[in-house]
Amino acid sequence: MMGDLQSLRAKGEAAWSAGQWELAQAAYTAIAEVDPTDETAIRRTSWLHFALGEIEEGMVDLHRLSDQYLEEGDTNGALSVFREAQAEFPKVLEIANDLGCLLIALGYVEEGTEHFRRLGYHALDVDIEEAMEAFRRWDFLKRLTS
């Protein structure tokens, strides 16, 4: 099992370095299936989805990784998942929107509101309840408050 993971990691790294995105995605997806907590595999799979224009799939993986951090009580880690993805893919509005909602849901209301303003949503009146409801669907807040 460990040998298989090492082999898959080597294949993923080689494909990633060579810019062979589909091969890298296949390797990292396989790693995440064997070890669903492998942060590098989940992050890279997500980023490859975004690079290949598969926004919905990328968002699923981002939330999966962010979820892992929240389960560990690491809100900064959860936020960093979205911050890093937004820095890498600034035109993917879904990432930016979910980052703003997560900020608000975690109690960083002022920072979340400012985040939306910086995005150009000057007329947006952020509804805290809507932001919190968006993250209840991933069951984040239930775990944080239990």
C-alpha atoms as a PDB file:
ATOM      1  CA  MET A   1       0.000   0.000   0.000  1.00  0.00           C
ATOM      2  CA  MET A   2       2.713   2.474   1.015  1.00  0.00           C
ATOM      3  CA  GLY A   3       4.703   1.564  -2.093  1.00  0.00           C
ATOM      4  CA  ASP A   4       1.669   2.253  -4.258  1.00  0.00           C
ATOM      5  CA  LEU A   5       1.238   5.673  -2.685  1.00  0.00           C
ATOM      6  CA  GLN A   6       4.915   6.496  -3.153  1.00  0.00           C
ATOM      7  CA  SER A   7       4.717   5.439  -6.793  1.00  0.00           C
ATOM      8  CA  LEU A   8       1.574   7.504  -7.351  1.00  0.00           C
ATOM      9  CA  ARG A   9       3.171  10.518  -5.652  1.00  0.00           C
ATOM     10  CA  ALA A  10       6.253  10.187  -7.859  1.00  0.00           C
ATOM     11  CA  LYS A  11       4.061   9.964 -10.977  1.00  0.00           C
ATOM     12  CA  GLY A  12       1.983  12.937  -9.833  1.00  0.00           C
ATOM     13  CA  GLU A  13       5.040  15.077  -9.097  1.00  0.00           C
ATOM     14  CA  ALA A  14       6.693  14.177 -12.412  1.00  0.00           C
ATOM     15  CA  ALA A  15       3.530  14.948 -14.387  1.00  0.00           C
ATOM     16  CA  TRP A  16       2.949  18.182 -12.404  1.00  0.00           C
ATOM     17  CA  SER A  17       6.530  19.337 -13.059  1.00  0.00           C
ATOM     18  CA  ALA A  18       6.256  18.474 -16.752  1.00  0.00           C
ATOM     19  CA  GLY A  19       2.934  20.290 -17.142  1.00  0.00           C
ATOM     20  CA  GLN A  20       1.125  17.074 -18.041  1.00  0.00           C
ATOM     21  CA  TRP A  21      -2.043  18.125 -16.274  1.00  0.00           C
ATOM     22  CA  GLU A  22      -4.294  15.191 -17.147  1.00  0.00           C
ATOM     23  CA  LEU A  23      -1.658  12.673 -15.985  1.00  0.00           C
ATOM     24  CA  ALA A  24      -1.048  14.665 -12.815  1.00  0.00           C
ATOM     25  CA  GLN A  25      -4.772  14.831 -12.152  1.00  0.00           C
ATOM     26  CA  ALA A  26      -5.136  11.068 -12.576  1.00  0.00           C
ATOM     27  CA  ALA A  27      -2.278  10.417 -10.136  1.00  0.00           C
ATOM     28  CA  TYR A  28      -3.495  12.891  -7.503  1.00  0.00           C
ATOM     29  CA  THR A  29      -7.068  11.652  -7.799  1.00  0.00           C
ATOM     30  CA  ALA A  30      -5.846   8.102  -7.203  1.00  0.00           C
ATOM     31  CA  ILE A  31      -3.819   9.257  -4.183  1.00  0.00           C
ATOM     32  CA  ALA A  32      -6.851  10.997  -2.699  1.00  0.00           C
ATOM     33  CA  GLU A  33      -8.914   7.831  -3.177  1.00  0.00           C
ATOM     34  CA  VAL A  34      -6.339   5.766  -1.283  1.00  0.00           C
ATOM     35  CA  ASP A  35      -5.654   8.461   1.326  1.00  0.00           C
ATOM     36  CA  PRO A  36      -8.597  10.884   1.533  1.00  0.00           C
ATOM     37  CA  THR A  37      -6.655  13.079   3.986  1.00  0.00           C
ATOM     38  CA  ASP A  38      -3.671  13.737   1.668  1.00  0.00           C
ATOM     39  CA  GLU A  39      -3.704  17.536   1.563  1.00  0.00           C
ATOM     40  CA  THR A  40      -1.284  17.873  -1.349  1.00  0.00           C
ATOM     41  CA  ALA A  41      -3.299  15.483  -3.501  1.00  0.00           C
ATOM     42  CA  ILE A  42      -6.592  17.223  -2.721  1.00  0.00           C
ATOM     43  CA  ARG A  43      -5.149  20.711  -3.252  1.00  0.00           C
ATOM     44  CA  ARG A  44      -3.476  19.804  -6.528  1.00  0.00           C
ATOM     45  CA  THR A  45      -6.542  17.948  -7.797  1.00  0.00           C
ATOM     46  CA  SER A  46      -8.596  21.034  -7.040  1.00  0.00           C
ATOM     47  CA  TRP A  47      -6.158  23.363  -8.769  1.00  0.00           C
ATOM     48  CA  LEU A  48      -5.965  21.065 -11.787  1.00  0.00           C
ATOM     49  CA  HIS A  49      -9.755  21.114 -12.037  1.00  0.00           C
ATOM     50  CA  PHE A  50      -9.644  24.924 -12.091  1.00  0.00           C
ATOM     51  CA  ALA A  51      -6.821  24.967 -14.656  1.00  0.00           C
ATOM     52  CA  LEU A  52      -8.844  22.604 -16.876  1.00  0.00           C
ATOM     53  CA  GLY A  53     -11.989  24.753 -16.520  1.00  0.00           C
ATOM     54  CA  GLU A  54     -13.776  22.256 -14.245  1.00  0.00           C
ATOM     55  CA  ILE A  55     -14.907  24.836 -11.704  1.00  0.00           C
ATOM     56  CA  GLU A  56     -17.576  22.800  -9.914  1.00  0.00           C
ATOM     57  CA  GLU A  57     -15.226  19.842  -9.385  1.00  0.00           C
ATOM     58  CA  GLY A  58     -12.490  22.179  -8.158  1.00  0.00           C
ATOM     59  CA  MET A  59     -14.861  23.746  -5.648  1.00  0.00           C
ATOM     60  CA  VAL A  60     -15.858  20.323  -4.309  1.00  0.00           C
ATOM     61  CA  ASP A  61     -12.194  19.545  -3.626  1.00  0.00           C
ATOM     62  CA  LEU A  62     -11.547  22.981  -2.083  1.00  0.00           C
ATOM     63  CA  HIS A  63     -14.426  22.462   0.321  1.00  0.00           C
ATOM     64  CA  ARG A  64     -13.226  18.947   1.093  1.00  0.00           C
ATOM     65  CA  LEU A  65      -9.800  20.265   2.074  1.00  0.00           C
ATOM     66  CA  SER A  66     -11.214  23.226   3.972  1.00  0.00           C
ATOM     67  CA  ASP A  67     -13.529  20.776   5.741  1.00  0.00           C
ATOM     68  CA  GLN A  68     -10.545  18.764   6.967  1.00  0.00           C
ATOM     69  CA  TYR A  69      -9.042  21.862   8.565  1.00  0.00           C
ATOM     70  CA  LEU A  70     -12.345  22.793  10.191  1.00  0.00           C
ATOM     71  CA  GLU A  71     -12.726  19.269  11.592  1.00  0.00           C
ATOM     72  CA  GLU A  72      -9.327  19.772  13.244  1.00  0.00           C
ATOM     73  CA  GLY A  73     -10.477  23.162  14.593  1.00  0.00           C
ATOM     74  CA  ASP A  74      -8.019  25.004  12.332  1.00  0.00           C
ATOM     75  CA  THR A  75     -10.007  27.947  10.983  1.00  0.00           C
ATOM     76  CA  ASN A  76      -6.853  29.648   9.660  1.00  0.00           C
ATOM     77  CA  GLY A  77      -6.031  26.529   7.657  1.00  0.00           C
ATOM     78  CA  ALA A  78      -9.562  26.451   6.263  1.00  0.00           C
ATOM     79  CA  LEU A  79      -9.302  30.101   5.231  1.00  0.00           C
ATOM     80  CA  SER A  80      -5.841  29.571   3.706  1.00  0.00           C
ATOM     81  CA  VAL A  81      -7.277  26.943   1.351  1.00  0.00           C
ATOM     82  CA  PHE A  82      -9.508  29.577  -0.221  1.00  0.00           C
ATOM     83  CA  ARG A  83      -6.988  32.417  -0.005  1.00  0.00           C
ATOM     84  CA  GLU A  84      -4.306  30.399  -1.809  1.00  0.00           C
ATOM     85  CA  ALA A  85      -6.754  29.227  -4.471  1.00  0.00           C
ATOM     86  CA  GLN A  86      -8.004  32.772  -5.011  1.00  0.00           C
ATOM     87  CA  ALA A  87      -4.439  34.044  -5.394  1.00  0.00           C
ATOM     88  CA  GLU A  88      -3.754  31.358  -7.999  1.00  0.00           C
ATOM     89  CA  PHE A  89      -7.120  31.670  -9.790  1.00  0.00           C
ATOM     90  CA  PRO A  90      -8.299  35.278  -9.249  1.00  0.00           C
ATOM     91  CA  LYS A  91     -10.884  35.120 -12.043  1.00  0.00           C
ATOM     92  CA  VAL A  92     -12.780  32.178 -10.543  1.00  0.00           C
ATOM     93  CA  LEU A  93     -15.528  34.083  -8.767  1.00  0.00           C
ATOM     94  CA  GLU A  94     -16.826  30.987  -7.004  1.00  0.00           C
ATOM     95  CA  ILE A  95     -13.611  30.853  -4.972  1.00  0.00           C
ATOM     96  CA  ALA A  96     -13.813  34.546  -4.098  1.00  0.00           C
ATOM     97  CA  ASN A  97     -17.477  34.291  -3.151  1.00  0.00           C
ATOM     98  CA  ASP A  98     -16.967  31.265  -0.916  1.00  0.00           C
ATOM     99  CA  LEU A  99     -13.962  32.902   0.757  1.00  0.00           C
ATOM    100  CA  GLY A 100     -16.105  35.925   1.636  1.00  0.00           C
ATOM    101  CA  CYS A 101     -18.895  33.703   2.928  1.00  0.00           C
ATOM    102  CA  LEU A 102     -16.466  31.632   4.998  1.00  0.00           C
ATOM    103  CA  LEU A 103     -14.968  34.770   6.539  1.00  0.00           C
ATOM    104  CA  ILE A 104     -18.427  35.932   7.571  1.00  0.00           C
ATOM    105  CA  ALA A 105     -19.540  32.478   8.739  1.00  0.00           C
ATOM    106  CA  LEU A 106     -16.466  32.232  10.968  1.00  0.00           C
ATOM    107  CA  GLY A 107     -17.247  35.600  12.540  1.00  0.00           C
ATOM    108  CA  TYR A 108     -14.890  37.803  10.507  1.00  0.00           C
ATOM    109  CA  VAL A 109     -17.822  39.935   9.376  1.00  0.00           C
ATOM    110  CA  GLU A 110     -15.873  43.139   8.753  1.00  0.00           C
ATOM    111  CA  GLU A 111     -13.126  41.340   6.815  1.00  0.00           C
ATOM    112  CA  GLY A 112     -15.703  39.388   4.818  1.00  0.00           C
ATOM    113  CA  THR A 113     -17.647  42.519   3.969  1.00  0.00           C
ATOM    114  CA  GLU A 114     -14.437  44.298   2.945  1.00  0.00           C
ATOM    115  CA  HIS A 115     -13.491  41.267   0.851  1.00  0.00           C
ATOM    116  CA  PHE A 116     -16.738  41.600  -1.122  1.00  0.00           C
ATOM    117  CA  ARG A 117     -16.192  45.348  -1.529  1.00  0.00           C
ATOM    118  CA  ARG A 118     -12.669  44.782  -2.901  1.00  0.00           C
ATOM    119  CA  LEU A 119     -14.148  42.393  -5.417  1.00  0.00           C
ATOM    120  CA  GLY A 120     -16.197  45.275  -6.728  1.00  0.00           C
ATOM    121  CA  TYR A 121     -19.464  44.364  -5.067  1.00  0.00           C
ATOM    122  CA  HIS A 122     -19.921  47.939  -3.849  1.00  0.00           C
ATOM    123  CA  ALA A 123     -23.688  47.703  -3.904  1.00  0.00           C
ATOM    124  CA  LEU A 124     -23.736  44.289  -2.278  1.00  0.00           C
ATOM    125  CA  ASP A 125     -25.334  44.295   1.120  1.00  0.00           C
ATOM    126  CA  VAL A 126     -23.888  41.130   2.626  1.00  0.00           C
ATOM    127  CA  ASP A 127     -26.529  39.144   4.438  1.00  0.00           C
ATOM    128  CA  ILE A 128     -24.852  37.323   7.316  1.00  0.00           C
ATOM    129  CA  GLU A 129     -27.646  34.767   7.567  1.00  0.00           C
ATOM    130  CA  GLU A 130     -27.296  33.915   3.862  1.00  0.00           C
ATOM    131  CA  ALA A 131     -23.536  33.540   4.255  1.00  0.00           C
ATOM    132  CA  MET A 132     -23.971  31.275   7.248  1.00  0.00           C
ATOM    133  CA  GLU A 133     -26.627  29.227   5.480  1.00  0.00           C
ATOM    134  CA  ALA A 134     -24.268  28.654   2.555  1.00  0.00           C
ATOM    135  CA  PHE A 135     -21.825  26.977   4.890  1.00  0.00           C
ATOM    136  CA  ARG A 136     -24.402  24.994   6.821  1.00  0.00           C
ATOM    137  CA  ARG A 137     -24.905  22.950   3.653  1.00  0.00           C
ATOM    138  CA  TRP A 138     -21.337  21.704   4.068  1.00  0.00           C
ATOM    139  CA  ASP A 139     -22.057  21.127   7.741  1.00  0.00           C
ATOM    140  CA  PHE A 140     -19.121  23.324   8.789  1.00  0.00           C
ATOM    141  CA  LEU A 141     -20.804  25.330  11.503  1.00  0.00           C
ATOM    142  CA  LYS A 142     -22.387  22.307  13.152  1.00  0.00           C
ATOM    143  CA  ARG A 143     -18.946  20.841  13.731  1.00  0.00           C
ATOM    144  CA  LEU A 144     -17.493  24.119  14.962  1.00  0.00           C
ATOM    145  CA  THR A 145     -20.282  24.698  17.479  1.00  0.00           C
ATOM    146  CA  SER A 146     -20.720  21.128  18.746  1.00  0.00           C
END
